[in-house]
N, C-alpha and C. Protein backbone atom coordinates (compact mmCIF):
# COMPACT_ATOMS: atom_id res chain seq x y z
N UNK A 1 -50.54 34.18 -4.58
CA UNK A 1 -50.64 33.21 -4.67
C UNK A 1 -51.45 32.48 -3.18
N UNK A 2 -52.02 33.43 -2.63
CA UNK A 2 -53.34 32.61 -1.85
C UNK A 2 -54.47 32.43 -2.47
N UNK A 3 -54.73 33.59 -3.22
CA UNK A 3 -55.91 33.44 -4.23
C UNK A 3 -56.67 32.21 -4.22
N UNK A 4 -55.31 31.55 -4.94
CA UNK A 4 -55.92 30.23 -6.13
C UNK A 4 -56.00 28.83 -4.82
N UNK A 5 -55.71 29.47 -3.81
CA UNK A 5 -55.56 28.54 -2.40
C UNK A 5 -57.41 28.03 -1.96
N UNK A 6 -57.12 27.09 -1.61
CA UNK A 6 -58.96 26.13 -0.81
C UNK A 6 -58.87 27.32 0.39
N UNK A 7 -60.41 27.39 0.65
CA UNK A 7 -60.98 27.72 2.28
C UNK A 7 -59.97 27.78 3.07
N UNK A 8 -59.71 26.14 3.02
CA UNK A 8 -59.07 25.54 4.37
C UNK A 8 -57.98 25.88 4.74
N UNK A 9 -56.78 25.61 3.45
CA UNK A 9 -55.65 25.91 3.45
C UNK A 9 -55.18 27.52 4.04
N UNK A 10 -56.41 28.69 3.31
CA UNK A 10 -56.05 29.65 3.99
C UNK A 10 -56.31 30.18 5.12
N UNK A 11 -57.34 29.31 5.86
CA UNK A 11 -57.70 29.89 7.08
C UNK A 11 -55.65 28.70 7.64
N UNK A 12 -56.14 27.59 7.26
CA UNK A 12 -54.48 27.42 8.08
C UNK A 12 -53.21 28.08 8.01
N UNK A 13 -53.19 29.00 6.62
CA UNK A 13 -51.69 29.97 6.51
C UNK A 13 -51.92 31.11 7.67
N UNK A 14 -52.93 31.71 8.04
CA UNK A 14 -53.59 32.69 8.79
C UNK A 14 -53.16 32.21 10.42
N UNK A 15 -53.84 30.68 10.60
CA UNK A 15 -52.93 30.50 12.26
C UNK A 15 -51.14 29.88 12.11
N UNK A 16 -50.73 29.68 10.84
CA UNK A 16 -49.42 29.22 11.05
C UNK A 16 -48.94 30.47 11.09
N UNK A 17 -49.42 32.11 10.73
CA UNK A 17 -49.09 33.50 10.84
C UNK A 17 -48.85 33.86 12.32
N UNK A 18 -50.54 33.57 12.47
CA UNK A 18 -50.73 33.71 14.04
C UNK A 18 -49.48 33.13 14.94
N UNK A 19 -49.31 31.58 14.88
CA UNK A 19 -48.32 31.10 15.53
C UNK A 19 -46.79 31.70 15.84
N UNK A 20 -46.64 32.24 14.44
CA UNK A 20 -45.33 32.33 14.51
C UNK A 20 -45.04 33.74 15.01
N UNK A 21 -46.12 34.38 15.11
CA UNK A 21 -46.16 36.51 15.65
C UNK A 21 -45.91 35.73 17.41
N UNK A 22 -46.37 34.88 17.86
CA UNK A 22 -46.35 34.89 19.44
C UNK A 22 -45.06 34.24 19.45
N UNK A 23 -43.93 33.54 18.61
CA UNK A 23 -43.24 33.45 19.45
C UNK A 23 -41.83 34.33 19.62
N UNK A 24 -41.25 34.17 20.80
CA UNK A 24 -40.47 35.18 21.11
C UNK A 24 -41.04 36.62 21.44
N UNK A 25 -41.73 36.71 22.25
CA UNK A 25 -42.92 37.90 22.42
C UNK A 25 -42.01 38.79 23.14
N UNK A 26 -42.38 39.87 22.96
CA UNK A 26 -41.78 41.43 23.58
C UNK A 26 -42.73 40.78 24.56
N UNK A 27 -42.61 42.15 26.28
CA UNK A 27 -43.31 42.35 26.87
C UNK A 27 -43.69 43.60 26.64
N UNK A 28 -44.54 43.67 25.76
CA UNK A 28 -44.95 45.14 25.25
C UNK A 28 -46.72 44.62 25.55
N UNK A 29 -47.06 44.09 26.39
CA UNK A 29 -48.51 43.88 26.46
C UNK A 29 -48.40 43.56 27.94
N UNK A 30 -50.23 43.92 28.44
CA UNK A 30 -50.34 44.42 29.79
C UNK A 30 -50.31 42.70 30.29
N UNK A 31 -50.96 42.11 29.96
CA UNK A 31 -51.19 40.52 30.27
C UNK A 31 -49.47 40.16 31.09
N UNK A 32 -48.41 40.38 30.29
CA UNK A 32 -46.82 40.09 31.17
C UNK A 32 -47.17 40.92 32.47
N UNK A 33 -47.37 42.35 32.51
CA UNK A 33 -46.98 43.29 33.60
C UNK A 33 -48.12 42.40 34.34
N UNK A 34 -49.25 42.01 34.17
CA UNK A 34 -50.70 41.53 35.34
C UNK A 34 -49.75 40.12 36.05
N UNK A 35 -49.55 39.31 34.94
CA UNK A 35 -48.59 38.07 35.49
C UNK A 35 -46.92 38.30 36.29
N UNK A 36 -46.78 39.55 36.18
CA UNK A 36 -45.57 39.64 36.68
C UNK A 36 -45.43 40.43 37.90
N UNK A 37 -47.09 41.33 38.21
CA UNK A 37 -47.34 41.75 39.34
C UNK A 37 -48.06 40.49 40.13
N UNK A 38 -49.02 39.68 39.69
CA UNK A 38 -49.09 38.69 40.83
C UNK A 38 -48.45 37.41 41.19
N UNK A 39 -47.73 37.46 40.64
CA UNK A 39 -47.06 36.52 40.91
C UNK A 39 -45.86 36.63 41.79
N UNK A 40 -45.17 38.18 41.73
CA UNK A 40 -44.16 38.94 42.27
C UNK A 40 -43.20 38.37 41.52
N UNK A 41 -43.03 38.58 40.41
CA UNK A 41 -41.02 38.22 39.82
C UNK A 41 -40.68 39.51 39.76
N UNK A 42 -39.65 39.41 39.27
CA UNK A 42 -38.86 40.68 38.95
C UNK A 42 -38.82 40.52 37.56
N UNK A 43 -38.60 41.98 36.79
CA UNK A 43 -38.69 41.72 35.22
C UNK A 43 -37.92 41.10 34.65
N UNK A 44 -36.65 40.39 35.02
CA UNK A 44 -35.64 39.29 34.60
C UNK A 44 -36.55 38.10 34.01
N UNK A 45 -36.91 37.51 35.92
CA UNK A 45 -37.88 36.31 36.06
C UNK A 45 -38.90 36.48 34.94
N UNK A 46 -39.26 37.34 34.72
CA UNK A 46 -40.99 37.45 34.38
C UNK A 46 -40.76 37.15 32.67
N UNK A 47 -39.42 38.00 32.34
CA UNK A 47 -39.09 38.08 30.95
C UNK A 47 -39.42 36.76 30.73
N UNK A 48 -38.07 36.28 31.13
CA UNK A 48 -37.64 34.87 30.71
C UNK A 48 -39.02 34.09 30.43
N UNK A 49 -39.63 33.76 31.62
CA UNK A 49 -40.52 33.27 31.85
C UNK A 49 -41.54 33.05 30.66
N UNK A 50 -41.48 34.37 30.34
CA UNK A 50 -42.86 35.01 29.71
C UNK A 50 -42.35 34.16 28.00
N UNK A 51 -41.47 34.75 27.61
CA UNK A 51 -40.58 34.33 26.85
C UNK A 51 -40.96 32.74 26.57
N UNK A 52 -40.35 31.83 26.90
CA UNK A 52 -40.25 30.10 27.43
C UNK A 52 -42.13 30.20 26.69
N UNK A 53 -42.82 30.56 27.73
CA UNK A 53 -44.12 30.14 27.21
C UNK A 53 -44.55 30.48 26.24
N UNK A 54 -44.32 31.87 25.78
CA UNK A 54 -45.58 31.83 24.69
C UNK A 54 -44.65 31.19 23.23
N UNK A 55 -43.41 31.20 23.30
CA UNK A 55 -42.28 30.05 22.61
C UNK A 55 -42.62 28.92 22.39
N UNK A 56 -43.02 28.03 23.90
CA UNK A 56 -43.78 26.90 23.18
C UNK A 56 -45.40 27.03 22.58
N UNK A 57 -46.13 27.61 23.63
CA UNK A 57 -47.45 27.85 22.66
C UNK A 57 -47.35 28.36 21.19
N UNK A 58 -45.87 28.94 20.55
CA UNK A 58 -45.85 29.19 19.67
C UNK A 58 -46.00 27.53 18.48
N UNK A 59 -44.81 26.89 18.72
CA UNK A 59 -44.03 25.63 18.28
C UNK A 59 -45.73 24.56 18.51
N UNK A 60 -45.96 24.47 19.60
CA UNK A 60 -47.31 23.80 19.80
C UNK A 60 -48.38 24.13 18.49
N UNK A 61 -48.96 25.43 18.93
CA UNK A 61 -49.71 25.68 17.79
C UNK A 61 -48.99 25.85 15.87
N UNK A 62 -48.28 25.82 16.08
CA UNK A 62 -47.85 25.56 15.03
C UNK A 62 -47.45 24.05 14.21
N UNK A 63 -47.53 23.19 15.12
CA UNK A 63 -47.84 21.90 15.10
C UNK A 63 -49.06 21.59 15.11
N UNK A 64 -49.77 22.01 15.49
CA UNK A 64 -51.00 21.33 15.40
C UNK A 64 -51.56 21.95 14.05
N UNK A 65 -51.44 23.24 13.74
CA UNK A 65 -51.78 23.78 12.07
C UNK A 65 -51.10 22.97 11.02
N UNK A 66 -49.73 22.14 11.32
CA UNK A 66 -48.69 21.05 10.12
C UNK A 66 -49.93 20.01 10.46
N UNK A 67 -50.16 19.69 11.65
CA UNK A 67 -50.60 17.92 11.33
C UNK A 67 -52.34 18.61 10.80
N UNK A 68 -53.02 19.76 11.10
CA UNK A 68 -54.09 19.63 10.56
C UNK A 68 -53.67 19.75 8.48
N UNK A 69 -52.84 20.30 8.51
CA UNK A 69 -52.69 20.07 6.55
C UNK A 69 -52.37 18.82 6.04
N UNK A 70 -51.93 17.77 7.11
CA UNK A 70 -52.16 16.45 6.63
C UNK A 70 -53.28 16.32 6.16
N UNK A 71 -54.39 16.71 6.73
CA UNK A 71 -55.90 16.03 6.26
C UNK A 71 -56.65 16.87 5.43
N UNK A 72 -55.78 18.16 5.37
CA UNK A 72 -56.98 18.77 4.51
C UNK A 72 -56.11 19.11 3.30
N UNK A 73 -54.97 18.88 2.64
CA UNK A 73 -54.11 18.48 1.77
C UNK A 73 -54.31 17.64 0.80
């Protein structure tokens, strides 16, 4: 399905998948633990904060990809 698409659209597809993969991200990487310790948060506070921030980044990234797709199609 993607093999017939232009390289620009394939790139946008990859970016959209990447944006979707970080939404509602779980606490399985060192960045979460680093921020938790630096700001002195509890695990509950850090989890809520991390999930909200990652979801915002995901949605904004997807919106940017969508806007770019309007210009490339």
